[in-house]
Full PDB file with SEQRES, HELIX, SHEET, SSBOND, CRYST1, ORIGX, SCALE, CONECT and MASTER records, all heavy atoms in Angstrom:
SEQRES   1 A   31  LEU PHE SER VAL VAL MET LEU SER LEU GLY ILE TYR GLY          
SEQRES   2 A   31  LEU LEU HIS ALA VAL THR ASN ARG VAL LEU TYR LEU VAL          
SEQRES   3 A   31  PHE GLY GLY LEU GLY                                          
HELIX    1 AA1 PHE A    2  HIS A   16  1                                  15    
HELIX    2 AA2 ARG A   21  LEU A   30  1                                  10    
CRYST1    1.000    1.000    1.000  90.00  90.00  90.00 P 1           1          
ORIGX1      1.000000  0.000000  0.000000        0.00000                         
ORIGX2      0.000000  1.000000  0.000000        0.00000                         
ORIGX3      0.000000  0.000000  1.000000        0.00000                         
SCALE1      1.000000  0.000000  0.000000        0.00000                         
SCALE2      0.000000  1.000000  0.000000        0.00000                         
SCALE3      0.000000  0.000000  1.000000        0.00000                         
ATOM      1  N   LEU A   1      23.042  -8.294 -46.130  1.00  0.00           N  
ATOM      2  CA  LEU A   1      21.829  -8.193 -45.315  1.00  0.00           C  
ATOM      3  C   LEU A   1      20.816  -7.241 -45.948  1.00  0.00           C  
ATOM      4  O   LEU A   1      19.616  -7.536 -46.001  1.00  0.00           O  
ATOM      5  CB  LEU A   1      22.191  -7.729 -43.899  1.00  0.00           C  
ATOM      6  CG  LEU A   1      23.056  -8.691 -43.078  1.00  0.00           C  
ATOM      7  CD1 LEU A   1      23.423  -8.070 -41.738  1.00  0.00           C  
ATOM      8  CD2 LEU A   1      22.333 -10.018 -42.870  1.00  0.00           C  
ATOM      9  N   PHE A   2      21.294  -6.098 -46.434  1.00  0.00           N  
ATOM     10  CA  PHE A   2      20.388  -5.141 -47.076  1.00  0.00           C  
ATOM     11  C   PHE A   2      19.801  -5.723 -48.370  1.00  0.00           C  
ATOM     12  O   PHE A   2      18.664  -5.424 -48.727  1.00  0.00           O  
ATOM     13  CB  PHE A   2      21.116  -3.833 -47.369  1.00  0.00           C  
ATOM     14  CG  PHE A   2      21.422  -3.024 -46.134  1.00  0.00           C  
ATOM     15  CD1 PHE A   2      22.715  -2.601 -45.857  1.00  0.00           C  
ATOM     16  CD2 PHE A   2      20.414  -2.684 -45.249  1.00  0.00           C  
ATOM     17  CE1 PHE A   2      22.989  -1.859 -44.719  1.00  0.00           C  
ATOM     18  CE2 PHE A   2      20.681  -1.941 -44.107  1.00  0.00           C  
ATOM     19  CZ  PHE A   2      21.969  -1.533 -43.837  1.00  0.00           C  
ATOM     20  N   SER A   3      20.583  -6.547 -49.066  1.00  0.00           N  
ATOM     21  CA  SER A   3      20.082  -7.184 -50.284  1.00  0.00           C  
ATOM     22  C   SER A   3      18.954  -8.157 -49.962  1.00  0.00           C  
ATOM     23  O   SER A   3      17.959  -8.235 -50.686  1.00  0.00           O  
ATOM     24  CB  SER A   3      21.219  -7.924 -50.999  1.00  0.00           C  
ATOM     25  OG  SER A   3      22.237  -7.030 -51.398  1.00  0.00           O  
ATOM     26  N   VAL A   4      19.118  -8.884 -48.875  1.00  0.00           N  
ATOM     27  CA  VAL A   4      18.070  -9.809 -48.438  1.00  0.00           C  
ATOM     28  C   VAL A   4      16.804  -9.030 -48.081  1.00  0.00           C  
ATOM     29  O   VAL A   4      15.686  -9.462 -48.396  1.00  0.00           O  
ATOM     30  CB  VAL A   4      18.555 -10.645 -47.234  1.00  0.00           C  
ATOM     31  CG1 VAL A   4      17.399 -11.453 -46.651  1.00  0.00           C  
ATOM     32  CG2 VAL A   4      19.685 -11.574 -47.645  1.00  0.00           C  
ATOM     33  N   VAL A   5      16.978  -7.860 -47.444  1.00  0.00           N  
ATOM     34  CA  VAL A   5      15.831  -7.009 -47.113  1.00  0.00           C  
ATOM     35  C   VAL A   5      15.106  -6.580 -48.389  1.00  0.00           C  
ATOM     36  O   VAL A   5      13.867  -6.652 -48.479  1.00  0.00           O  
ATOM     37  CB  VAL A   5      16.276  -5.767 -46.311  1.00  0.00           C  
ATOM     38  CG1 VAL A   5      15.120  -4.757 -46.187  1.00  0.00           C  
ATOM     39  CG2 VAL A   5      16.759  -6.172 -44.929  1.00  0.00           C  
ATOM     40  N   MET A   6      15.877  -6.138 -49.401  1.00  0.00           N  
ATOM     41  CA  MET A   6      15.251  -5.706 -50.654  1.00  0.00           C  
ATOM     42  C   MET A   6      14.528  -6.851 -51.348  1.00  0.00           C  
ATOM     43  O   MET A   6      13.413  -6.681 -51.853  1.00  0.00           O  
ATOM     44  CB  MET A   6      16.316  -5.100 -51.591  1.00  0.00           C  
ATOM     45  CG  MET A   6      16.703  -3.686 -51.228  1.00  0.00           C  
ATOM     46  SD  MET A   6      17.629  -2.833 -52.534  1.00  0.00           S  
ATOM     47  CE  MET A   6      19.266  -3.486 -52.237  1.00  0.00           C  
ATOM     48  N   LEU A   7      15.145  -8.015 -51.375  1.00  0.00           N  
ATOM     49  CA  LEU A   7      14.496  -9.171 -51.990  1.00  0.00           C  
ATOM     50  C   LEU A   7      13.212  -9.542 -51.240  1.00  0.00           C  
ATOM     51  O   LEU A   7      12.188  -9.862 -51.860  1.00  0.00           O  
ATOM     52  CB  LEU A   7      15.448 -10.361 -52.001  1.00  0.00           C  
ATOM     53  CG  LEU A   7      16.497 -10.379 -53.116  1.00  0.00           C  
ATOM     54  CD1 LEU A   7      17.483 -11.520 -52.884  1.00  0.00           C  
ATOM     55  CD2 LEU A   7      15.840 -10.513 -54.477  1.00  0.00           C  
ATOM     56  N   SER A   8      13.264  -9.482 -49.925  1.00  0.00           N  
ATOM     57  CA  SER A   8      12.088  -9.801 -49.115  1.00  0.00           C  
ATOM     58  C   SER A   8      10.961  -8.811 -49.388  1.00  0.00           C  
ATOM     59  O   SER A   8       9.791  -9.206 -49.513  1.00  0.00           O  
ATOM     60  CB  SER A   8      12.452  -9.781 -47.622  1.00  0.00           C  
ATOM     61  OG  SER A   8      13.461 -10.730 -47.334  1.00  0.00           O  
ATOM     62  N   LEU A   9      11.317  -7.514 -49.495  1.00  0.00           N  
ATOM     63  CA  LEU A   9      10.308  -6.511 -49.811  1.00  0.00           C  
ATOM     64  C   LEU A   9       9.729  -6.737 -51.203  1.00  0.00           C  
ATOM     65  O   LEU A   9       8.534  -6.534 -51.432  1.00  0.00           O  
ATOM     66  CB  LEU A   9      10.923  -5.109 -49.717  1.00  0.00           C  
ATOM     67  CG  LEU A   9      11.253  -4.610 -48.305  1.00  0.00           C  
ATOM     68  CD1 LEU A   9      12.078  -3.330 -48.371  1.00  0.00           C  
ATOM     69  CD2 LEU A   9       9.975  -4.386 -47.501  1.00  0.00           C  
ATOM     70  N   GLY A  10      10.592  -7.156 -52.134  1.00  0.00           N  
ATOM     71  CA  GLY A  10      10.127  -7.423 -53.488  1.00  0.00           C  
ATOM     72  C   GLY A  10       9.156  -8.594 -53.538  1.00  0.00           C  
ATOM     73  O   GLY A  10       8.115  -8.530 -54.201  1.00  0.00           O  
ATOM     74  N   ILE A  11       9.497  -9.663 -52.823  1.00  0.00           N  
ATOM     75  CA  ILE A  11       8.621 -10.833 -52.784  1.00  0.00           C  
ATOM     76  C   ILE A  11       7.300 -10.488 -52.095  1.00  0.00           C  
ATOM     77  O   ILE A  11       6.213 -10.873 -52.554  1.00  0.00           O  
ATOM     78  CB  ILE A  11       9.320 -11.996 -52.057  1.00  0.00           C  
ATOM     79  CG1 ILE A  11      10.542 -12.457 -52.870  1.00  0.00           C  
ATOM     80  CG2 ILE A  11       8.361 -13.160 -51.841  1.00  0.00           C  
ATOM     81  CD1 ILE A  11      11.417 -13.465 -52.165  1.00  0.00           C  
ATOM     82  N   TYR A  12       7.401  -9.750 -50.995  1.00  0.00           N  
ATOM     83  CA  TYR A  12       6.188  -9.310 -50.287  1.00  0.00           C  
ATOM     84  C   TYR A  12       5.341  -8.432 -51.202  1.00  0.00           C  
ATOM     85  O   TYR A  12       4.112  -8.525 -51.221  1.00  0.00           O  
ATOM     86  CB  TYR A  12       6.584  -8.535 -49.033  1.00  0.00           C  
ATOM     87  CG  TYR A  12       5.414  -7.984 -48.261  1.00  0.00           C  
ATOM     88  CD1 TYR A  12       4.709  -8.770 -47.356  1.00  0.00           C  
ATOM     89  CD2 TYR A  12       5.002  -6.657 -48.443  1.00  0.00           C  
ATOM     90  CE1 TYR A  12       3.633  -8.256 -46.651  1.00  0.00           C  
ATOM     91  CE2 TYR A  12       3.928  -6.139 -47.742  1.00  0.00           C  
ATOM     92  CZ  TYR A  12       3.245  -6.947 -46.844  1.00  0.00           C  
ATOM     93  OH  TYR A  12       2.173  -6.435 -46.157  1.00  0.00           O  
ATOM     94  N   GLY A  13       6.028  -7.586 -51.979  1.00  0.00           N  
ATOM     95  CA  GLY A  13       5.325  -6.679 -52.877  1.00  0.00           C  
ATOM     96  C   GLY A  13       4.567  -7.395 -53.977  1.00  0.00           C  
ATOM     97  O   GLY A  13       3.513  -6.928 -54.416  1.00  0.00           O  
ATOM     98  N   LEU A  14       5.104  -8.520 -54.435  1.00  0.00           N  
ATOM     99  CA  LEU A  14       4.407  -9.298 -55.462  1.00  0.00           C  
ATOM    100  C   LEU A  14       3.074  -9.841 -54.941  1.00  0.00           C  
ATOM    101  O   LEU A  14       2.110 -10.008 -55.696  1.00  0.00           O  
ATOM    102  CB  LEU A  14       5.283 -10.461 -55.926  1.00  0.00           C  
ATOM    103  CG  LEU A  14       6.541 -10.090 -56.729  1.00  0.00           C  
ATOM    104  CD1 LEU A  14       7.347 -11.339 -57.039  1.00  0.00           C  
ATOM    105  CD2 LEU A  14       6.175  -9.358 -58.013  1.00  0.00           C  
ATOM    106  N   LEU A  15       3.039 -10.093 -53.644  1.00  0.00           N  
ATOM    107  CA  LEU A  15       1.836 -10.649 -53.035  1.00  0.00           C  
ATOM    108  C   LEU A  15       0.839  -9.583 -52.586  1.00  0.00           C  
ATOM    109  O   LEU A  15      -0.352  -9.842 -52.505  1.00  0.00           O  
ATOM    110  CB  LEU A  15       2.217 -11.521 -51.831  1.00  0.00           C  
ATOM    111  CG  LEU A  15       3.156 -12.703 -52.131  1.00  0.00           C  
ATOM    112  CD1 LEU A  15       3.549 -13.404 -50.838  1.00  0.00           C  
ATOM    113  CD2 LEU A  15       2.496 -13.686 -53.093  1.00  0.00           C  
ATOM    114  N   HIS A  16       1.365  -8.363 -52.316  1.00  0.00           N  
ATOM    115  CA  HIS A  16       0.503  -7.318 -51.765  1.00  0.00           C  
ATOM    116  C   HIS A  16       0.567  -6.019 -52.560  1.00  0.00           C  
ATOM    117  O   HIS A  16       0.192  -4.963 -52.054  1.00  0.00           O  
ATOM    118  CB  HIS A  16       0.888  -7.043 -50.310  1.00  0.00           C  
ATOM    119  CG  HIS A  16       0.736  -8.231 -49.415  1.00  0.00           C  
ATOM    120  ND1 HIS A  16       1.730  -9.181 -49.261  1.00  0.00           N  
ATOM    121  CD2 HIS A  16      -0.297  -8.636 -48.631  1.00  0.00           C  
ATOM    122  CE1 HIS A  16       1.311 -10.113 -48.413  1.00  0.00           C  
ATOM    123  NE2 HIS A  16       0.087  -9.813 -48.015  1.00  0.00           N  
ATOM    124  N   ALA A  17       1.043  -6.065 -53.781  1.00  0.00           N  
ATOM    125  CA  ALA A  17       1.067  -4.896 -54.681  1.00  0.00           C  
ATOM    126  C   ALA A  17       1.763  -3.690 -54.059  1.00  0.00           C  
ATOM    127  O   ALA A  17       1.239  -2.573 -54.035  1.00  0.00           O  
ATOM    128  CB  ALA A  17      -0.355  -4.516 -55.084  1.00  0.00           C  
ATOM    129  N   VAL A  18       2.987  -3.891 -53.564  1.00  0.00           N  
ATOM    130  CA  VAL A  18       3.779  -2.811 -52.984  1.00  0.00           C  
ATOM    131  C   VAL A  18       4.493  -2.052 -54.095  1.00  0.00           C  
ATOM    132  O   VAL A  18       4.978  -2.644 -55.063  1.00  0.00           O  
ATOM    133  CB  VAL A  18       4.809  -3.370 -51.978  1.00  0.00           C  
ATOM    134  CG1 VAL A  18       5.740  -2.272 -51.487  1.00  0.00           C  
ATOM    135  CG2 VAL A  18       4.091  -4.030 -50.807  1.00  0.00           C  
ATOM    136  N   THR A  19       4.564  -0.723 -53.970  1.00  0.00           N  
ATOM    137  CA  THR A  19       5.256   0.104 -54.948  1.00  0.00           C  
ATOM    138  C   THR A  19       6.739  -0.279 -55.022  1.00  0.00           C  
ATOM    139  O   THR A  19       7.353  -0.599 -54.005  1.00  0.00           O  
ATOM    140  CB  THR A  19       5.134   1.592 -54.568  1.00  0.00           C  
ATOM    141  OG1 THR A  19       3.756   1.927 -54.442  1.00  0.00           O  
ATOM    142  CG2 THR A  19       5.761   2.479 -55.635  1.00  0.00           C  
ATOM    143  N   ASN A  20       7.300  -0.252 -56.225  1.00  0.00           N  
ATOM    144  CA  ASN A  20       8.724  -0.540 -56.459  1.00  0.00           C  
ATOM    145  C   ASN A  20       9.073  -2.012 -56.231  1.00  0.00           C  
ATOM    146  O   ASN A  20      10.247  -2.351 -56.071  1.00  0.00           O  
ATOM    147  CB  ASN A  20       9.628   0.332 -55.585  1.00  0.00           C  
ATOM    148  CG  ASN A  20       9.559   1.799 -55.964  1.00  0.00           C  
ATOM    149  OD1 ASN A  20       9.334   2.145 -57.120  1.00  0.00           O  
ATOM    150  ND2 ASN A  20       9.751   2.671 -54.991  1.00  0.00           N  
ATOM    151  N   ARG A  21       8.087  -2.894 -56.230  1.00  0.00           N  
ATOM    152  CA  ARG A  21       8.362  -4.304 -55.957  1.00  0.00           C  
ATOM    153  C   ARG A  21       9.343  -4.900 -56.971  1.00  0.00           C  
ATOM    154  O   ARG A  21      10.222  -5.676 -56.594  1.00  0.00           O  
ATOM    155  CB  ARG A  21       7.064  -5.100 -55.921  1.00  0.00           C  
ATOM    156  CG  ARG A  21       6.201  -4.994 -57.173  1.00  0.00           C  
ATOM    157  CD  ARG A  21       4.839  -5.633 -56.961  1.00  0.00           C  
ATOM    158  NE  ARG A  21       3.969  -5.498 -58.123  1.00  0.00           N  
ATOM    159  CZ  ARG A  21       3.225  -4.424 -58.370  1.00  0.00           C  
ATOM    160  NH1 ARG A  21       3.271  -3.391 -57.550  1.00  0.00           N  
ATOM    161  NH2 ARG A  21       2.446  -4.375 -59.437  1.00  0.00           N  
ATOM    162  N   VAL A  22       9.196  -4.522 -58.252  1.00  0.00           N  
ATOM    163  CA  VAL A  22      10.108  -5.048 -59.271  1.00  0.00           C  
ATOM    164  C   VAL A  22      11.522  -4.528 -59.047  1.00  0.00           C  
ATOM    165  O   VAL A  22      12.509  -5.266 -59.173  1.00  0.00           O  
ATOM    166  CB  VAL A  22       9.622  -4.678 -60.686  1.00  0.00           C  
ATOM    167  CG1 VAL A  22      10.638  -5.143 -61.740  1.00  0.00           C  
ATOM    168  CG2 VAL A  22       8.258  -5.301 -60.968  1.00  0.00           C  
ATOM    169  N   LEU A  23      11.627  -3.254 -58.684  1.00  0.00           N  
ATOM    170  CA  LEU A  23      12.945  -2.662 -58.441  1.00  0.00           C  
ATOM    171  C   LEU A  23      13.614  -3.289 -57.223  1.00  0.00           C  
ATOM    172  O   LEU A  23      14.829  -3.499 -57.214  1.00  0.00           O  
ATOM    173  CB  LEU A  23      12.803  -1.150 -58.253  1.00  0.00           C  
ATOM    174  CG  LEU A  23      12.294  -0.378 -59.470  1.00  0.00           C  
ATOM    175  CD1 LEU A  23      12.139   1.099 -59.145  1.00  0.00           C  
ATOM    176  CD2 LEU A  23      13.245  -0.556 -60.642  1.00  0.00           C  
ATOM    177  N   TYR A  24      12.821  -3.572 -56.184  1.00  0.00           N  
ATOM    178  CA  TYR A  24      13.379  -4.256 -55.016  1.00  0.00           C  
ATOM    179  C   TYR A  24      13.963  -5.608 -55.425  1.00  0.00           C  
ATOM    180  O   TYR A  24      15.048  -5.995 -54.972  1.00  0.00           O  
ATOM    181  CB  TYR A  24      12.287  -4.480 -53.962  1.00  0.00           C  
ATOM    182  CG  TYR A  24      11.984  -3.273 -53.100  1.00  0.00           C  
ATOM    183  CD1 TYR A  24      10.689  -2.770 -53.001  1.00  0.00           C  
ATOM    184  CD2 TYR A  24      12.990  -2.655 -52.359  1.00  0.00           C  
ATOM    185  CE1 TYR A  24      10.400  -1.676 -52.200  1.00  0.00           C  
ATOM    186  CE2 TYR A  24      12.717  -1.556 -51.553  1.00  0.00           C  
ATOM    187  CZ  TYR A  24      11.420  -1.071 -51.476  1.00  0.00           C  
ATOM    188  OH  TYR A  24      11.150   0.012 -50.689  1.00  0.00           O  
ATOM    189  N   LEU A  25      13.254  -6.321 -56.276  1.00  0.00           N  
ATOM    190  CA  LEU A  25      13.721  -7.637 -56.723  1.00  0.00           C  
ATOM    191  C   LEU A  25      14.985  -7.522 -57.568  1.00  0.00           C  
ATOM    192  O   LEU A  25      15.946  -8.277 -57.379  1.00  0.00           O  
ATOM    193  CB  LEU A  25      12.618  -8.340 -57.521  1.00  0.00           C  
ATOM    194  CG  LEU A  25      11.408  -8.838 -56.730  1.00  0.00           C  
ATOM    195  CD1 LEU A  25      10.329  -9.332 -57.675  1.00  0.00           C  
ATOM    196  CD2 LEU A  25      11.810  -9.948 -55.762  1.00  0.00           C  
ATOM    197  N   VAL A  26      14.990  -6.563 -58.497  1.00  0.00           N  
ATOM    198  CA  VAL A  26      16.133  -6.396 -59.402  1.00  0.00           C  
ATOM    199  C   VAL A  26      17.387  -5.999 -58.634  1.00  0.00           C  
ATOM    200  O   VAL A  26      18.440  -6.647 -58.751  1.00  0.00           O  
ATOM    201  CB  VAL A  26      15.821  -5.355 -60.487  1.00  0.00           C  
ATOM    202  CG1 VAL A  26      17.095  -5.015 -61.279  1.00  0.00           C  
ATOM    203  CG2 VAL A  26      14.741  -5.858 -61.426  1.00  0.00           C  
ATOM    204  N   PHE A  27      17.292  -4.935 -57.838  1.00  0.00           N  
ATOM    205  CA  PHE A  27      18.479  -4.447 -57.134  1.00  0.00           C  
ATOM    206  C   PHE A  27      18.845  -5.329 -55.947  1.00  0.00           C  
ATOM    207  O   PHE A  27      20.025  -5.460 -55.608  1.00  0.00           O  
ATOM    208  CB  PHE A  27      18.262  -2.992 -56.699  1.00  0.00           C  
ATOM    209  CG  PHE A  27      18.300  -2.025 -57.839  1.00  0.00           C  
ATOM    210  CD1 PHE A  27      17.140  -1.575 -58.434  1.00  0.00           C  
ATOM    211  CD2 PHE A  27      19.510  -1.585 -58.348  1.00  0.00           C  
ATOM    212  CE1 PHE A  27      17.169  -0.705 -59.509  1.00  0.00           C  
ATOM    213  CE2 PHE A  27      19.558  -0.704 -59.421  1.00  0.00           C  
ATOM    214  CZ  PHE A  27      18.387  -0.266 -60.005  1.00  0.00           C  
ATOM    215  N   GLY A  28      17.844  -5.944 -55.325  1.00  0.00           N  
ATOM    216  CA  GLY A  28      18.143  -6.898 -54.262  1.00  0.00           C  
ATOM    217  C   GLY A  28      18.867  -8.112 -54.809  1.00  0.00           C  
ATOM    218  O   GLY A  28      19.835  -8.599 -54.214  1.00  0.00           O  
ATOM    219  N   GLY A  29      18.414  -8.602 -55.963  1.00  0.00           N  
ATOM    220  CA  GLY A  29      19.081  -9.736 -56.598  1.00  0.00           C  
ATOM    221  C   GLY A  29      20.495  -9.385 -57.029  1.00  0.00           C  
ATOM    222  O   GLY A  29      21.419 -10.195 -56.870  1.00  0.00           O  
ATOM    223  N   LEU A  30      20.676  -8.178 -57.565  1.00  0.00           N  
ATOM    224  CA  LEU A  30      22.003  -7.742 -57.986  1.00  0.00           C  
ATOM    225  C   LEU A  30      22.938  -7.625 -56.790  1.00  0.00           C  
ATOM    226  O   LEU A  30      24.095  -8.053 -56.845  1.00  0.00           O  
ATOM    227  CB  LEU A  30      21.901  -6.390 -58.702  1.00  0.00           C  
ATOM    228  CG  LEU A  30      23.215  -5.765 -59.183  1.00  0.00           C  
ATOM    229  CD1 LEU A  30      23.910  -6.698 -60.161  1.00  0.00           C  
ATOM    230  CD2 LEU A  30      22.956  -4.410 -59.833  1.00  0.00           C  
ATOM    231  N   GLY A  31      22.433  -7.050 -55.703  1.00  0.00           N  
ATOM    232  CA  GLY A  31      23.246  -6.918 -54.494  1.00  0.00           C  
ATOM    233  C   GLY A  31      23.639  -8.273 -53.934  1.00  0.00           C  
ATOM    234  O   GLY A  31      24.791  -8.477 -53.512  1.00  0.00           O  
TER     235      GLY A  31                                                      
MASTER        0    0    0    2    0    0    0    6  234    1    0    3          
END                                                                             
């Protein structure tokens, strides 16, 4: 569930320039 949250934040970040968006995607994907 937390991994899905990180991936969602990463995807949202790509659209709205959120800080750490790449890290959210990397660690969310790994999780």
